[in-house]
């Protein structure tokens, strides 16, 4: 019985640690963002601009507009929006790998730090990463 309780406590601690992740924790790597840049150029830049500046009704995907649109949401929310509704002329045609790569590129373009691992493709994991416009201050 104690072993089961210990496992539950360990799982809860691990889950709490995962849930506190933010885009400031280096959640993608450089290689993935480069792949995402290529996908963006081919599938997204036509509407959102080569410099992510937004065109007509398509919002900017960097800077203040990105921050205000996605602040306090999760990387999973962003990835799902891309997966379901983009590109606007062919929604839902991007693979999960392309969605993760483009999401990594958007994080890079918004000056969030790189890490060593790739951004996962699975939405439950992505929903554990919050988008915060400013680096959180460490708590002691």
Protein backbone atom coordinates (compact mmCIF):
# COMPACT_ATOMS: atom_id res chain seq x y z
CA UNK A 1 0.00 0.00 0.00
CA UNK A 2 2.82 2.41 0.84
CA UNK A 3 4.45 1.75 -2.53
CA UNK A 4 1.28 2.76 -4.38
CA UNK A 5 0.99 5.93 -2.30
CA UNK A 6 4.65 6.76 -2.92
CA UNK A 7 4.14 6.28 -6.65
CA UNK A 8 1.11 8.58 -6.60
CA UNK A 9 3.05 11.27 -4.76
CA UNK A 10 5.97 10.94 -7.19
CA UNK A 11 3.61 11.17 -10.17
CA UNK A 12 1.91 14.26 -8.71
CA UNK A 13 5.27 15.95 -8.10
CA UNK A 14 6.40 15.15 -11.66
CA UNK A 15 3.14 16.45 -13.10
CA UNK A 16 3.33 19.67 -11.08
CA UNK A 17 6.88 20.22 -12.32
CA UNK A 18 5.76 19.71 -15.92
CA UNK A 19 2.77 22.00 -15.53
CA UNK A 20 4.95 24.88 -14.41
CA UNK A 21 6.90 24.96 -17.68
CA UNK A 22 6.86 28.11 -19.77
CA UNK A 23 8.23 29.15 -23.15
CA UNK A 24 11.19 30.60 -21.22
CA UNK A 25 12.36 27.07 -20.35
CA UNK A 26 13.88 26.31 -23.79
CA UNK A 27 11.10 24.03 -25.04
CA UNK A 28 12.29 23.68 -28.68
CA UNK A 29 15.66 23.42 -30.38
CA UNK A 30 17.40 25.35 -33.14
CA UNK A 31 17.11 22.60 -35.75
CA UNK A 32 13.36 22.36 -35.25
CA UNK A 33 12.92 26.13 -35.58
CA UNK A 34 14.89 26.08 -38.84
CA UNK A 35 12.59 23.39 -40.24
CA UNK A 36 9.64 25.47 -39.06
CA UNK A 37 11.00 28.54 -40.81
CA UNK A 38 11.02 26.62 -44.11
CA UNK A 39 7.44 25.40 -43.56
CA UNK A 40 6.37 28.92 -42.60
CA UNK A 41 7.92 30.37 -45.77
CA UNK A 42 6.02 27.87 -47.91
CA UNK A 43 2.66 27.71 -46.13
CA UNK A 44 2.22 30.80 -43.92
CA UNK A 45 4.21 33.79 -45.18
CA UNK A 46 1.74 34.47 -47.97
CA UNK A 47 -0.85 35.62 -45.43
CA UNK A 48 1.19 36.46 -42.31
CA UNK A 49 4.13 38.11 -44.08
CA UNK A 50 7.73 37.08 -44.64
CA UNK A 51 8.70 38.91 -41.43
CA UNK A 52 5.65 37.65 -39.48
CA UNK A 53 4.28 41.21 -39.63
CA UNK A 54 0.74 40.26 -40.62
CA UNK A 55 -1.03 41.18 -43.86
CA UNK A 56 -4.55 42.56 -44.17
CA UNK A 57 -6.77 40.47 -41.86
CA UNK A 58 -4.01 38.00 -40.92
CA UNK A 59 -2.45 38.97 -37.59
CA UNK A 60 1.23 39.52 -36.94
CA UNK A 61 2.86 36.46 -35.40
CA UNK A 62 5.63 38.29 -33.57
CA UNK A 63 6.05 41.18 -31.21
CA UNK A 64 3.26 42.89 -29.31
CA UNK A 65 0.43 41.41 -31.36
CA UNK A 66 1.65 37.87 -30.72
CA UNK A 67 2.19 38.61 -27.03
CA UNK A 68 -1.25 40.11 -26.51
CA UNK A 69 -3.01 37.35 -28.47
CA UNK A 70 -1.29 34.42 -26.77
CA UNK A 71 -0.30 35.68 -23.29
CA UNK A 72 -1.18 33.17 -20.56
CA UNK A 73 -2.42 30.60 -23.06
CA UNK A 74 -0.47 27.43 -23.78
CA UNK A 75 1.75 26.28 -26.60
CA UNK A 76 -0.89 23.57 -27.08
CA UNK A 77 -3.52 26.25 -27.71
CA UNK A 78 -1.28 27.85 -30.34
CA UNK A 79 -0.41 24.54 -31.99
CA UNK A 80 -4.05 23.44 -32.13
CA UNK A 81 -5.10 26.75 -33.69
CA UNK A 82 -2.45 26.25 -36.37
CA UNK A 83 -3.36 22.58 -36.90
CA UNK A 84 -7.10 23.13 -37.18
CA UNK A 85 -7.32 26.40 -39.09
CA UNK A 86 -4.11 26.89 -41.08
CA UNK A 87 -3.26 27.51 -43.76
CA UNK A 88 -6.49 29.44 -44.23
CA UNK A 89 -6.94 28.24 -47.82
CA UNK A 90 -6.33 24.58 -46.84
CA UNK A 91 -7.12 24.26 -43.11
CA UNK A 92 -6.10 21.07 -41.40
CA UNK A 93 -3.59 20.00 -44.05
CA UNK A 94 -0.43 20.52 -42.00
CA UNK A 95 1.05 17.43 -40.39
CA UNK A 96 1.60 17.40 -36.63
CA UNK A 97 5.36 17.54 -37.31
CA UNK A 98 4.90 20.65 -39.47
CA UNK A 99 2.72 22.25 -36.79
CA UNK A 100 5.35 21.61 -34.09
CA UNK A 101 8.11 22.92 -36.34
CA UNK A 102 6.19 26.10 -37.22
CA UNK A 103 5.33 26.60 -33.55
CA UNK A 104 9.04 26.30 -32.70
CA UNK A 105 9.81 28.90 -35.38
CA UNK A 106 7.21 31.27 -33.91
CA UNK A 107 8.77 30.85 -30.47
CA UNK A 108 12.21 31.59 -31.91
CA UNK A 109 10.89 34.64 -33.81
CA UNK A 110 9.46 35.94 -30.54
CA UNK A 111 12.86 35.60 -28.87
CA UNK A 112 12.05 32.75 -26.53
CA UNK A 113 15.20 30.73 -25.77
CA UNK A 114 16.13 27.50 -27.49
CA UNK A 115 16.77 24.30 -25.61
CA UNK A 116 18.19 20.90 -26.45
CA UNK A 117 15.00 18.92 -27.11
CA UNK A 118 12.40 19.37 -29.81
CA UNK A 119 8.94 20.66 -29.03
CA UNK A 120 6.71 17.59 -28.77
CA UNK A 121 3.91 16.94 -31.24
CA UNK A 122 1.42 15.65 -28.67
CA UNK A 123 -1.12 18.27 -27.56
CA UNK A 124 -1.35 17.12 -23.90
CA UNK A 125 2.38 17.86 -23.48
CA UNK A 126 2.11 21.16 -25.35
CA UNK A 127 -0.76 22.25 -23.11
CA UNK A 128 1.62 22.06 -20.15
CA UNK A 129 3.78 24.88 -21.54
CA UNK A 130 2.45 28.38 -20.86
CA UNK A 131 3.16 31.35 -23.09
CA UNK A 132 4.38 34.25 -20.98
CA UNK A 133 5.47 37.47 -22.71
CA UNK A 134 8.04 38.19 -19.99
CA UNK A 135 10.47 35.86 -18.27
CA UNK A 136 9.08 34.90 -14.87
CA UNK A 137 11.09 35.98 -11.86
CA UNK A 138 12.55 33.05 -9.95
CA UNK A 139 10.90 32.26 -6.65
CA UNK A 140 13.00 31.29 -3.68
